[in-house]
Protein backbone atom coordinates (compact mmCIF):
# COMPACT_ATOMS: atom_id res chain seq x y z
CA MET A 1 123.37 95.71 105.30
CA ALA A 2 123.84 94.62 101.65
CA THR A 3 124.85 96.92 98.76
CA LEU A 4 122.70 97.23 95.40
CA ILE A 5 124.23 99.16 92.46
CA ILE A 6 121.93 100.32 89.70
CA ARG A 7 123.29 100.99 86.56
CA ASN A 8 121.82 102.59 83.50
CA ILE A 9 118.92 104.27 85.19
CA PRO A 10 116.71 106.41 82.67
CA VAL A 11 117.62 110.12 83.15
CA LYS A 12 113.58 110.95 83.74
CA LEU A 13 113.26 108.25 86.30
CA LEU A 14 116.37 109.55 88.19
CA LYS A 15 115.22 113.15 88.19
CA ARG A 16 112.01 111.71 89.65
CA LEU A 17 113.54 109.79 92.30
CA LYS A 18 115.68 113.01 93.39
CA GLU A 19 112.63 115.46 93.31
CA SER A 20 110.97 112.59 95.43
CA ALA A 21 113.40 112.24 98.15
CA ALA A 22 113.90 116.28 98.18
CA LYS A 23 110.03 116.35 98.87
CA HIS A 24 110.25 113.76 101.65
CA ARG A 25 113.71 114.83 102.94
CA ARG A 26 115.08 111.75 102.31
CA SER A 27 118.62 110.69 100.58
CA VAL A 28 118.34 109.26 97.29
CA SER A 29 119.36 106.47 98.36
CA SER A 30 116.69 106.06 101.35
CA GLU A 31 114.12 107.04 98.91
CA ALA A 32 115.10 104.34 96.52
CA ILE A 33 114.99 101.81 99.48
CA PHE A 34 111.31 103.16 100.71
CA CYS A 35 110.12 102.95 96.84
CA LEU A 36 111.22 99.48 96.78
CA GLU A 37 109.53 98.31 100.13
CA VAL A 38 106.42 99.93 98.91
CA ALA A 39 106.66 98.13 95.54
CA LEU A 40 107.17 94.93 96.80
CA GLY A 41 105.08 95.07 99.94
CA GLY A 42 107.32 95.65 102.45
CA ASN A 43 104.92 95.75 105.24
CA ARG A 44 102.59 92.98 104.17
CA VAL A 45 99.39 92.54 105.94
CA ASP A 46 98.01 88.95 107.27
CA PRO A 47 94.66 88.83 105.70
CA ARG A 48 93.07 87.10 108.36
CA GLU A 49 94.15 89.98 110.89
CA PHE A 50 92.98 92.68 108.82
CA LEU A 51 89.49 90.73 108.17
CA ALA A 52 88.95 90.34 111.83
CA ARG A 53 89.85 94.44 112.32
CA VAL A 54 87.55 95.17 109.93
CA ASP A 55 84.61 92.70 111.50
CA ALA A 56 85.56 94.28 114.83
CA ARG A 57 84.94 97.88 113.66
CA ARG A 58 81.72 96.95 111.91
CA LYS A 59 80.42 95.72 115.39
CA ARG A 60 81.11 98.77 116.91
CA MET A 61 79.12 100.72 114.01
CA PRO A 62 75.34 101.32 113.84
CA ARG A 63 73.88 99.23 110.91
CA MET A 64 72.91 101.55 107.99
CA PHE A 65 70.43 100.04 105.38
CA LEU A 66 71.12 102.06 102.14
CA THR A 67 68.02 101.70 99.89
CA GLU A 68 67.93 102.96 96.26
CA GLU A 69 65.35 105.41 97.51
CA PHE A 70 67.65 106.86 100.30
CA LEU A 71 70.27 106.77 97.94
CA ARG A 72 68.57 108.31 95.32
CA ALA A 73 67.06 111.19 97.52
CA ALA A 74 70.42 111.95 99.17
CA LYS A 75 71.94 112.31 95.67
CA ASN A 76 69.17 114.82 94.58
CA GLU A 77 68.80 116.71 98.10
CA GLY A 78 69.88 120.29 97.11
CA ARG A 79 69.40 120.01 93.29
CA SER A 80 67.08 122.45 91.78
């Protein structure tokens, strides 16, 4: 593994990083790596694969046609 040294971290940012690390029970280094992975898209999703999963899920679900009347009635339900 490579090493990265970060200098001149703003005090408030370092404090937030330490608090987040403590909250997630990680070291500050592990928390920084996690934040970088999230920010840089460490777990990128293939758009075609994602859309295929969405289509498969849609096919399993019953069709729901939401009309303006239905939505208005649902919104007003229980209002007096």
